[in-house]
Protein backbone atom coordinates (compact mmCIF):
# COMPACT_ATOMS: atom_id res chain seq x y z
CA MET A 1 18.45 -15.58 -6.71
CA ARG A 2 15.95 -12.87 -7.60
CA ASP A 3 15.19 -11.22 -10.95
CA THR A 4 15.15 -7.92 -12.06
CA LEU A 5 12.05 -6.24 -13.07
CA LEU A 6 12.66 -3.00 -15.02
CA SER A 7 10.83 -0.38 -17.40
CA LEU A 8 11.73 -0.03 -20.76
CA GLY A 9 9.77 3.19 -22.18
CA ASN A 10 6.31 2.46 -20.87
CA SER A 11 6.66 -1.29 -21.00
CA VAL A 12 7.75 -3.59 -17.90
CA ILE A 13 10.43 -6.69 -18.31
CA GLN A 14 11.42 -9.17 -16.07
CA HIS A 15 14.74 -11.14 -16.41
CA GLY A 16 16.99 -13.35 -14.00
CA LYS A 17 19.37 -16.62 -14.14
CA HIS A 18 16.37 -18.46 -11.83
CA ASN A 19 14.22 -19.03 -14.89
CA ASP A 20 17.08 -18.32 -17.64
CA ARG A 21 14.81 -15.81 -19.71
CA VAL A 22 13.51 -12.50 -20.50
CA TYR A 23 9.96 -11.96 -19.72
CA LEU A 24 8.23 -8.90 -21.83
CA MET A 25 5.44 -9.19 -18.64
CA LYS A 26 3.50 -5.96 -19.83
CA PHE A 27 3.63 -4.05 -23.49
CA SER A 28 3.10 -0.62 -24.14
CA GLY A 29 2.51 0.03 -27.67
CA ASN A 30 4.16 3.43 -27.81
CA ASP A 31 7.53 0.83 -27.82
CA SER A 32 7.02 -0.95 -30.86
CA PRO A 33 9.24 -2.42 -32.52
CA SER A 34 12.29 -1.00 -30.88
CA ILE A 35 10.95 -3.09 -27.43
CA ILE A 36 12.21 -6.09 -29.64
CA ASP A 37 15.89 -4.99 -30.06
CA GLU A 38 15.83 -3.97 -26.25
CA LEU A 39 14.68 -8.00 -25.61
CA ASN A 40 17.42 -9.13 -27.56
CA ARG A 41 19.98 -7.05 -26.04
CA ILE A 42 19.40 -7.74 -23.00
CA ALA A 43 19.29 -11.60 -23.46
CA HIS A 44 22.44 -11.64 -25.49
CA ASP A 45 24.09 -9.24 -22.41
CA ASN A 46 23.44 -12.04 -20.04
CA GLY A 47 23.38 -14.96 -22.12
CA TYR A 48 20.06 -15.83 -21.44
CA THR A 49 18.34 -18.75 -23.94
CA LYS A 50 14.81 -17.70 -23.91
CA ILE A 51 12.85 -14.84 -24.73
CA LEU A 52 8.96 -14.41 -23.64
CA ALA A 53 6.83 -11.76 -24.53
CA LYS A 54 3.19 -11.19 -23.79
CA VAL A 55 1.62 -8.95 -26.30
CA PRO A 56 -1.78 -8.14 -27.78
CA GLN A 57 -2.57 -9.64 -31.34
CA TYR A 58 -2.20 -6.54 -33.39
CA VAL A 59 1.71 -6.73 -32.59
CA THR A 60 2.57 -10.35 -33.13
CA ALA A 61 3.44 -9.83 -36.81
CA SER A 62 6.64 -7.91 -35.84
CA PHE A 63 7.67 -10.60 -33.43
CA ILE A 64 7.33 -13.64 -35.88
CA GLU A 65 9.13 -11.79 -38.33
CA ASP A 66 12.35 -11.65 -35.67
CA GLY A 67 11.83 -15.52 -35.03
CA PHE A 68 9.24 -15.39 -32.33
CA ILE A 69 6.77 -18.49 -32.21
CA THR A 70 2.78 -18.46 -30.41
CA GLU A 71 3.29 -20.85 -27.81
CA ALA A 72 -0.39 -20.07 -26.13
CA TRP A 73 -2.91 -17.26 -26.25
CA VAL A 74 -5.44 -16.13 -23.94
CA PRO A 75 -8.82 -14.87 -25.19
CA ASN A 76 -10.43 -11.64 -23.67
CA PHE A 77 -7.26 -10.99 -21.66
CA TYR A 78 -7.04 -7.18 -22.61
CA ASN A 79 -10.58 -5.77 -22.21
CA LYS A 80 -11.76 -8.60 -25.00
CA GLU A 81 -8.91 -8.92 -27.13
CA PRO A 82 -6.89 -11.59 -26.90
CA ALA A 83 -3.47 -11.71 -25.43
CA PHE A 84 -0.42 -14.29 -27.17
CA PHE A 85 2.38 -15.48 -25.35
CA MET A 86 5.53 -15.50 -27.97
CA ALA A 87 8.66 -17.22 -27.36
CA LYS A 88 12.08 -17.15 -28.66
CA TYR A 89 14.66 -19.61 -28.40
CA LEU A 90 18.41 -18.68 -28.36
CA LYS A 91 19.65 -22.10 -27.58
CA GLU A 92 18.37 -25.23 -29.48
CA SER A 93 18.08 -27.54 -26.51
CA ARG A 94 15.78 -25.11 -24.55
CA ARG A 95 13.35 -25.82 -27.06
CA GLN A 96 12.84 -29.30 -25.06
CA ASP A 97 10.92 -29.98 -22.18
CA ILE A 98 12.75 -32.38 -20.18
CA ARG A 99 9.76 -32.80 -18.14
CA ALA A 100 7.37 -33.49 -20.82
CA LYS A 101 6.45 -36.77 -19.94
CA GLU A 102 5.42 -35.66 -16.40
CA CYS A 103 3.70 -32.57 -17.74
CA LYS A 104 1.43 -34.89 -19.86
CA LYS A 105 0.50 -36.83 -16.66
CA VAL A 106 -0.44 -33.88 -14.85
CA LEU A 107 -3.05 -32.69 -17.86
CA GLU A 108 -4.41 -36.16 -18.15
CA LYS A 109 -4.77 -35.65 -14.51
CA THR A 110 -6.55 -32.82 -14.34
CA GLN A 111 -8.85 -33.33 -17.39
CA GLN A 112 -10.44 -36.10 -15.14
CA ILE A 113 -11.27 -33.51 -12.92
CA TYR A 114 -14.80 -31.72 -12.80
CA ALA A 115 -15.38 -28.22 -11.64
CA VAL A 116 -17.80 -27.53 -8.68
CA ASP A 117 -20.19 -24.50 -8.50
CA ARG A 118 -19.55 -24.35 -4.63
CA VAL A 119 -16.14 -25.16 -2.80
CA PRO A 120 -16.77 -26.53 0.45
CA GLU A 121 -15.83 -24.36 3.51
CA PRO A 122 -12.72 -25.22 5.67
CA ASP A 123 -13.56 -26.12 9.39
CA GLU A 124 -14.74 -24.03 11.41
CA GLU A 125 -11.46 -24.03 13.19
CA PHE A 126 -10.06 -21.57 10.14
CA CYS A 127 -11.02 -18.14 9.33
CA PHE A 128 -10.66 -16.05 6.14
CA ARG A 129 -9.59 -12.58 5.53
CA ILE A 130 -7.97 -10.18 3.03
CA CYS A 131 -4.23 -9.59 4.75
CA ASN A 132 -3.21 -5.88 5.68
CA PRO A 133 0.21 -4.38 6.28
CA SER A 134 0.21 -5.42 9.78
CA ASP A 135 0.24 -9.26 8.11
CA ALA A 136 3.25 -8.83 6.14
CA GLN A 137 5.94 -9.85 8.46
CA GLN A 138 4.21 -13.19 9.33
CA MET A 139 3.18 -13.52 5.47
CA ALA A 140 6.87 -13.41 4.38
CA GLN A 141 7.74 -16.14 6.79
CA VAL A 142 5.15 -18.32 5.36
CA TYR A 143 6.48 -17.54 2.17
CA LYS A 144 10.15 -18.56 3.34
CA ARG A 145 9.08 -21.62 4.65
CA VAL A 146 7.03 -22.87 1.41
CA PHE A 147 9.25 -21.44 -1.30
CA ALA A 148 12.98 -22.53 -1.47
CA THR A 149 13.64 -20.00 -4.08
CA TYR A 150 11.68 -16.90 -5.59
CA PRO A 151 12.57 -14.54 -8.07
CA PHE A 152 10.82 -11.46 -6.21
CA PRO A 153 12.06 -10.51 -2.61
CA ILE A 154 8.74 -11.79 -0.91
CA TYR A 155 10.70 -12.86 1.76
CA ASP A 156 11.16 -9.20 2.60
CA HIS A 157 7.74 -7.81 4.55
CA LYS A 158 8.33 -4.31 3.37
CA TYR A 159 8.18 -5.43 -0.18
CA ILE A 160 5.27 -7.23 0.50
CA ILE A 161 3.84 -4.20 1.91
CA GLN A 162 4.96 -2.51 -1.14
CA THR A 163 2.85 -4.64 -3.51
CA MET A 164 -0.24 -4.21 -1.54
CA ASN A 165 0.14 -0.45 -2.15
CA THR A 166 0.15 -1.12 -5.56
CA ASN A 167 -1.66 -3.58 -7.65
CA VAL A 168 -1.58 -6.85 -5.22
CA VAL A 169 -4.54 -8.00 -2.90
CA TYR A 170 -3.29 -10.70 -0.31
CA PHE A 171 -5.82 -13.63 0.82
CA GLY A 172 -4.84 -15.67 4.22
CA MET A 173 -6.25 -18.50 5.39
CA PHE A 174 -5.75 -18.25 9.82
CA HIS A 175 -5.57 -20.76 12.53
CA GLU A 176 -5.61 -19.33 15.83
CA SER A 177 -4.30 -15.83 14.65
CA LYS A 178 -1.57 -17.26 12.54
CA ILE A 179 -1.20 -17.37 8.95
CA VAL A 180 -1.30 -21.14 7.83
CA ALA A 181 -2.03 -20.64 3.73
CA LEU A 182 -1.94 -17.42 1.85
CA ALA A 183 -2.44 -16.69 -2.17
CA SER A 184 -2.63 -13.27 -4.20
CA THR A 185 -3.90 -11.78 -7.16
CA GLU A 186 -2.04 -9.41 -9.32
CA MET A 187 -4.31 -6.75 -11.17
CA ASP A 188 -3.75 -5.22 -14.13
CA ILE A 189 -6.98 -2.54 -13.69
CA GLU A 190 -6.09 -0.85 -17.42
CA SER A 191 -6.41 -4.34 -19.20
CA GLY A 192 -9.15 -6.29 -17.02
CA ASN A 193 -7.19 -8.79 -16.07
CA ALA A 194 -6.08 -10.54 -13.15
CA GLU A 195 -3.02 -13.33 -12.33
CA MET A 196 -3.78 -15.72 -9.35
CA THR A 197 -0.66 -16.58 -8.00
CA ASP A 198 1.59 -17.11 -4.83
CA PHE A 199 -0.61 -20.08 -3.53
CA ALA A 200 1.15 -21.05 -0.12
CA THR A 201 0.09 -23.47 2.51
CA LEU A 202 2.36 -24.52 5.33
CA PRO A 203 3.08 -27.98 5.21
CA GLU A 204 1.31 -29.16 8.21
CA TYR A 205 -2.08 -27.74 6.90
CA THR A 206 -1.91 -29.26 3.09
CA GLY A 207 -4.64 -31.33 2.33
CA LYS A 208 -7.56 -29.32 3.84
CA GLY A 209 -8.60 -27.51 0.48
CA LEU A 210 -7.30 -24.01 2.19
CA ALA A 211 -5.75 -23.63 -1.45
CA THR A 212 -8.97 -24.42 -3.39
CA PHE A 213 -10.89 -22.10 -1.01
CA LEU A 214 -8.72 -19.17 -1.41
CA LEU A 215 -8.90 -19.22 -5.12
CA GLN A 216 -12.85 -19.15 -5.20
CA GLN A 217 -12.57 -16.25 -2.69
CA MET A 218 -10.18 -14.49 -5.08
CA GLU A 219 -12.64 -14.92 -7.94
CA LEU A 220 -15.28 -13.38 -5.82
CA GLU A 221 -12.97 -10.28 -5.02
CA ILE A 222 -11.85 -9.66 -8.68
CA SER A 223 -15.57 -10.06 -10.03
CA LYS A 224 -16.29 -7.27 -7.48
CA ARG A 225 -13.60 -4.95 -8.88
CA LYS A 226 -15.12 -5.84 -12.78
CA ILE A 227 -11.99 -7.55 -13.85
CA MET A 228 -13.02 -9.43 -16.66
CA THR A 229 -10.33 -12.19 -17.17
CA ALA A 230 -8.46 -14.22 -14.31
CA TYR A 231 -5.82 -16.64 -15.08
CA THR A 232 -2.72 -18.43 -13.80
CA ILE A 233 0.48 -19.77 -15.01
């Protein structure tokens, strides 16, 4: 079940039944305030129960006036300016998190973990490098094994190559020339931020610290590219 990615003016939105929502991923000031009406229209036409918008601070008042609430904010997201995650619920039951207890346990667990300056390198049998188009078919197979569902066609090697040619860098861990773990960073060069995403480790290779090592390598790479803010959702 794939989501739809489309442009509204100079803004970019994602929507689909899998997450039952419309998501304003990239906002352009040229599209304000009409973008709000467009988000409402798409949600209504498809019967979605939530609209999510990631926007700069100066436009939040318009979203609040339309019934959005602030759920989170990220400092320094837009070249030292904060980003706000605004949500509008079109069905009251959607406001309730059915996994609230589970989420609380996860938060409590992560708060007990201390950051380390350097992640131990994996065993010598593994090697790391940035992926290239020749890896795409193998990458697609890894994603197919790890993710039962995904909103974008990452099972398609042509789609992976297409994203490589835009703003996505893929990082891989290899064992005997076989890809065993992957992650990617989607960079917004204009705004100076990057999302760390698509972490996937083959089941037989989990527990070896491969994803943590990949995350560290990703941080080093985006630092070289002068990206100020790295985040993950």
